[in-house]
């Protein structure tokens, strides 16, 4: 996969982080809060790994 295509896909995923943060603010999540937290952690790990792998690229 070309770096530009990968960068576009990572940017698309990164935009979903805000949606997860808004969802986390909902008071009635119950046990889904655990899943939302996990998704945020994994998304942050993915973004960090992308930045480490391609340090010259910004997302």
N, C-alpha and C. Protein backbone atom coordinates (compact mmCIF):
# COMPACT_ATOMS: atom_id res chain seq x y z
N UNK A 1 0.84 -1.17 0.00
CA UNK A 1 0.00 0.00 0.00
C UNK A 1 0.89 1.24 0.00
N UNK A 2 0.52 2.17 -0.79
CA UNK A 2 1.27 3.41 -0.90
C UNK A 2 1.08 4.25 0.37
N UNK A 3 2.10 4.99 0.76
CA UNK A 3 2.08 5.75 2.00
C UNK A 3 0.94 6.78 2.02
N UNK A 4 0.66 7.40 0.90
CA UNK A 4 -0.41 8.40 0.86
C UNK A 4 -1.77 7.75 1.09
N UNK A 5 -1.99 6.58 0.53
CA UNK A 5 -3.26 5.87 0.75
C UNK A 5 -3.39 5.47 2.21
N UNK A 6 -2.30 5.01 2.80
CA UNK A 6 -2.30 4.63 4.20
C UNK A 6 -2.55 5.85 5.08
N UNK A 7 -1.93 6.94 4.74
CA UNK A 7 -2.09 8.17 5.50
C UNK A 7 -3.56 8.63 5.48
N UNK A 8 -4.20 8.55 4.34
CA UNK A 8 -5.61 8.92 4.22
C UNK A 8 -6.48 8.02 5.09
N UNK A 9 -6.20 6.74 5.08
CA UNK A 9 -6.98 5.81 5.91
C UNK A 9 -6.78 6.08 7.39
N UNK A 10 -5.56 6.37 7.79
CA UNK A 10 -5.28 6.66 9.20
C UNK A 10 -5.97 7.97 9.60
N UNK A 11 -5.96 8.96 8.73
CA UNK A 11 -6.65 10.22 9.01
C UNK A 11 -8.15 9.99 9.19
N UNK A 12 -8.72 9.13 8.36
CA UNK A 12 -10.14 8.82 8.47
C UNK A 12 -10.46 8.20 9.82
N UNK A 13 -9.63 7.28 10.24
CA UNK A 13 -9.83 6.63 11.54
C UNK A 13 -9.62 7.64 12.66
N UNK A 14 -8.64 8.50 12.53
CA UNK A 14 -8.35 9.49 13.57
C UNK A 14 -9.52 10.44 13.79
N UNK A 15 -10.27 10.74 12.75
CA UNK A 15 -11.42 11.64 12.91
C UNK A 15 -12.52 11.00 13.76
N UNK A 16 -12.54 9.70 13.85
CA UNK A 16 -13.55 9.00 14.65
C UNK A 16 -13.26 9.11 16.15
N UNK A 17 -12.07 9.53 16.51
CA UNK A 17 -11.71 9.64 17.92
C UNK A 17 -12.62 10.63 18.64
N UNK A 18 -12.94 11.73 18.01
CA UNK A 18 -13.82 12.72 18.62
C UNK A 18 -15.19 12.13 18.91
N UNK A 19 -15.68 11.29 18.03
CA UNK A 19 -16.98 10.64 18.25
C UNK A 19 -16.93 9.75 19.48
N UNK A 20 -15.83 9.04 19.65
CA UNK A 20 -15.68 8.19 20.83
C UNK A 20 -15.62 9.02 22.11
N UNK A 21 -14.93 10.15 22.05
CA UNK A 21 -14.87 11.02 23.22
C UNK A 21 -16.25 11.57 23.59
N UNK A 22 -17.02 11.95 22.59
CA UNK A 22 -18.38 12.44 22.87
C UNK A 22 -19.24 11.33 23.44
N UNK A 23 -19.09 10.14 22.92
CA UNK A 23 -19.84 8.99 23.42
C UNK A 23 -19.48 8.70 24.88
N UNK A 24 -18.22 8.84 25.20
CA UNK A 24 -17.75 8.58 26.56
C UNK A 24 -18.37 9.54 27.56
N UNK A 25 -18.77 10.72 27.12
CA UNK A 25 -19.38 11.72 28.00
C UNK A 25 -20.83 11.39 28.35
N UNK A 26 -21.41 10.43 27.65
CA UNK A 26 -22.81 10.08 27.92
C UNK A 26 -22.93 9.38 29.27
N UNK A 27 -23.86 9.82 30.11
CA UNK A 27 -23.97 9.25 31.45
C UNK A 27 -24.61 7.87 31.50
N UNK A 28 -25.30 7.47 30.45
CA UNK A 28 -26.04 6.21 30.48
C UNK A 28 -25.37 5.08 29.70
N UNK A 29 -24.06 5.08 29.61
CA UNK A 29 -23.36 4.05 28.84
C UNK A 29 -23.33 2.71 29.55
N UNK A 30 -23.30 2.73 30.84
CA UNK A 30 -23.22 1.48 31.59
C UNK A 30 -21.92 0.75 31.29
N UNK A 31 -22.04 -0.54 31.03
CA UNK A 31 -20.83 -1.35 30.79
C UNK A 31 -20.20 -1.08 29.44
N UNK A 32 -20.92 -0.40 28.54
CA UNK A 32 -20.33 -0.04 27.24
C UNK A 32 -19.17 0.95 27.41
N UNK A 33 -19.13 1.63 28.55
CA UNK A 33 -18.04 2.57 28.83
C UNK A 33 -16.69 1.85 28.73
N UNK A 34 -16.65 0.61 29.17
CA UNK A 34 -15.41 -0.18 29.11
C UNK A 34 -14.98 -0.36 27.66
N UNK A 35 -15.94 -0.68 26.79
CA UNK A 35 -15.62 -0.88 25.37
C UNK A 35 -15.18 0.41 24.70
N UNK A 36 -15.81 1.51 25.05
CA UNK A 36 -15.44 2.81 24.46
C UNK A 36 -14.03 3.19 24.92
N UNK A 37 -13.75 2.99 26.20
CA UNK A 37 -12.39 3.25 26.69
C UNK A 37 -11.36 2.40 25.96
N UNK A 38 -11.68 1.12 25.77
CA UNK A 38 -10.77 0.21 25.07
C UNK A 38 -10.55 0.68 23.63
N UNK A 39 -11.62 1.09 22.97
CA UNK A 39 -11.50 1.58 21.59
C UNK A 39 -10.61 2.81 21.52
N UNK A 40 -10.77 3.72 22.48
CA UNK A 40 -9.92 4.91 22.52
C UNK A 40 -8.45 4.55 22.73
N UNK A 41 -8.19 3.62 23.64
CA UNK A 41 -6.82 3.20 23.89
C UNK A 41 -6.20 2.58 22.64
N UNK A 42 -6.95 1.72 21.98
CA UNK A 42 -6.43 1.06 20.78
C UNK A 42 -6.23 2.06 19.64
N UNK A 43 -7.13 3.01 19.51
CA UNK A 43 -6.99 4.04 18.49
C UNK A 43 -5.76 4.89 18.75
N UNK A 44 -5.55 5.27 20.00
CA UNK A 44 -4.37 6.05 20.36
C UNK A 44 -3.09 5.25 20.09
N UNK A 45 -3.11 3.96 20.39
CA UNK A 45 -1.96 3.10 20.11
C UNK A 45 -1.67 3.04 18.61
N UNK A 46 -2.73 2.91 17.82
CA UNK A 46 -2.57 2.87 16.37
C UNK A 46 -1.96 4.16 15.84
N UNK A 47 -2.45 5.29 16.33
CA UNK A 47 -1.93 6.58 15.87
C UNK A 47 -0.49 6.77 16.31
N UNK A 48 -0.16 6.36 17.52
CA UNK A 48 1.23 6.45 17.99
C UNK A 48 2.15 5.57 17.15
N UNK A 49 1.69 4.37 16.85
CA UNK A 49 2.50 3.46 16.03
C UNK A 49 2.72 4.02 14.63
N UNK A 50 1.70 4.63 14.07
CA UNK A 50 1.84 5.24 12.74
C UNK A 50 2.89 6.34 12.79
N UNK A 51 2.82 7.17 13.84
CA UNK A 51 3.78 8.28 13.97
C UNK A 51 5.20 7.77 14.18
N UNK A 52 5.36 6.67 14.90
CA UNK A 52 6.70 6.10 15.10
C UNK A 52 7.22 5.46 13.82
N UNK A 53 6.33 4.83 13.07
CA UNK A 53 6.73 4.15 11.83
C UNK A 53 7.05 5.14 10.72
N UNK A 54 6.26 6.20 10.64
CA UNK A 54 6.44 7.21 9.62
C UNK A 54 6.59 8.57 10.29
N UNK A 55 7.73 8.82 10.93
CA UNK A 55 7.90 10.06 11.69
C UNK A 55 7.83 11.33 10.82
N UNK A 56 8.14 11.24 9.58
CA UNK A 56 8.11 12.42 8.72
C UNK A 56 6.71 12.77 8.27
N UNK A 57 5.78 11.84 8.44
CA UNK A 57 4.39 12.07 8.02
C UNK A 57 3.59 12.61 9.18
N UNK A 58 2.70 13.53 8.92
CA UNK A 58 1.81 14.02 9.97
C UNK A 58 0.38 13.66 9.60
N UNK A 59 -0.40 13.41 10.62
CA UNK A 59 -1.80 13.07 10.38
C UNK A 59 -2.71 14.09 11.03
